[in-house]
Amino acid sequence: MYIELQSLELVFNLIASVH
C-alpha cells in the first residue's frame, strides 16, 4: 500500500510539473 501511495504521489507531482 505504501508503494502504491508513493507511486500515486509521484504521478501527481509529474502532472503538476507538466502543467
N, C-alpha and C. Protein backbone atom coordinates (compact mmCIF):
# COMPACT_ATOMS: atom_id res chain seq x y z
N MET A 1 0.85 -1.21 0.00
CA MET A 1 0.00 0.00 0.00
C MET A 1 0.88 1.25 0.00
N TYR A 2 1.95 1.16 0.76
CA TYR A 2 2.84 2.32 0.83
C TYR A 2 3.39 2.66 -0.54
N ILE A 3 3.81 1.60 -1.26
CA ILE A 3 4.39 1.81 -2.59
C ILE A 3 3.35 2.43 -3.52
N GLU A 4 2.11 1.93 -3.41
CA GLU A 4 1.05 2.45 -4.29
C GLU A 4 0.84 3.94 -4.02
N LEU A 5 0.80 4.29 -2.74
CA LEU A 5 0.58 5.69 -2.37
C LEU A 5 1.71 6.55 -2.90
N GLN A 6 2.95 6.06 -2.75
CA GLN A 6 4.10 6.81 -3.23
C GLN A 6 4.02 6.99 -4.74
N SER A 7 3.63 5.92 -5.44
CA SER A 7 3.53 5.97 -6.90
C SER A 7 2.50 7.02 -7.31
N LEU A 8 1.37 7.03 -6.60
CA LEU A 8 0.32 7.99 -6.91
C LEU A 8 0.83 9.41 -6.72
N GLU A 9 1.55 9.63 -5.60
CA GLU A 9 2.08 10.96 -5.33
C GLU A 9 3.08 11.36 -6.41
N LEU A 10 3.89 10.39 -6.85
CA LEU A 10 4.89 10.67 -7.87
C LEU A 10 4.20 11.09 -9.17
N VAL A 11 3.17 10.35 -9.55
CA VAL A 11 2.44 10.68 -10.78
C VAL A 11 1.82 12.06 -10.66
N PHE A 12 1.25 12.34 -9.49
CA PHE A 12 0.62 13.65 -9.29
C PHE A 12 1.66 14.75 -9.44
N ASN A 13 2.83 14.52 -8.85
CA ASN A 13 3.91 15.51 -8.95
C ASN A 13 4.32 15.70 -10.40
N LEU A 14 4.37 14.61 -11.14
CA LEU A 14 4.77 14.68 -12.55
C LEU A 14 3.77 15.53 -13.33
N ILE A 15 2.48 15.29 -13.09
CA ILE A 15 1.43 16.05 -13.78
C ILE A 15 1.56 17.53 -13.43
N ALA A 16 1.79 17.82 -12.15
CA ALA A 16 1.91 19.21 -11.71
C ALA A 16 3.12 19.85 -12.41
N SER A 17 4.18 19.08 -12.58
CA SER A 17 5.38 19.61 -13.23
C SER A 17 5.08 19.95 -14.69
N VAL A 18 4.29 19.10 -15.34
CA VAL A 18 3.98 19.31 -16.76
C VAL A 18 3.15 20.59 -16.93
N HIS A 19 2.24 20.82 -16.00
CA HIS A 19 1.37 21.99 -16.12
C HIS A 19 2.17 23.27 -16.15
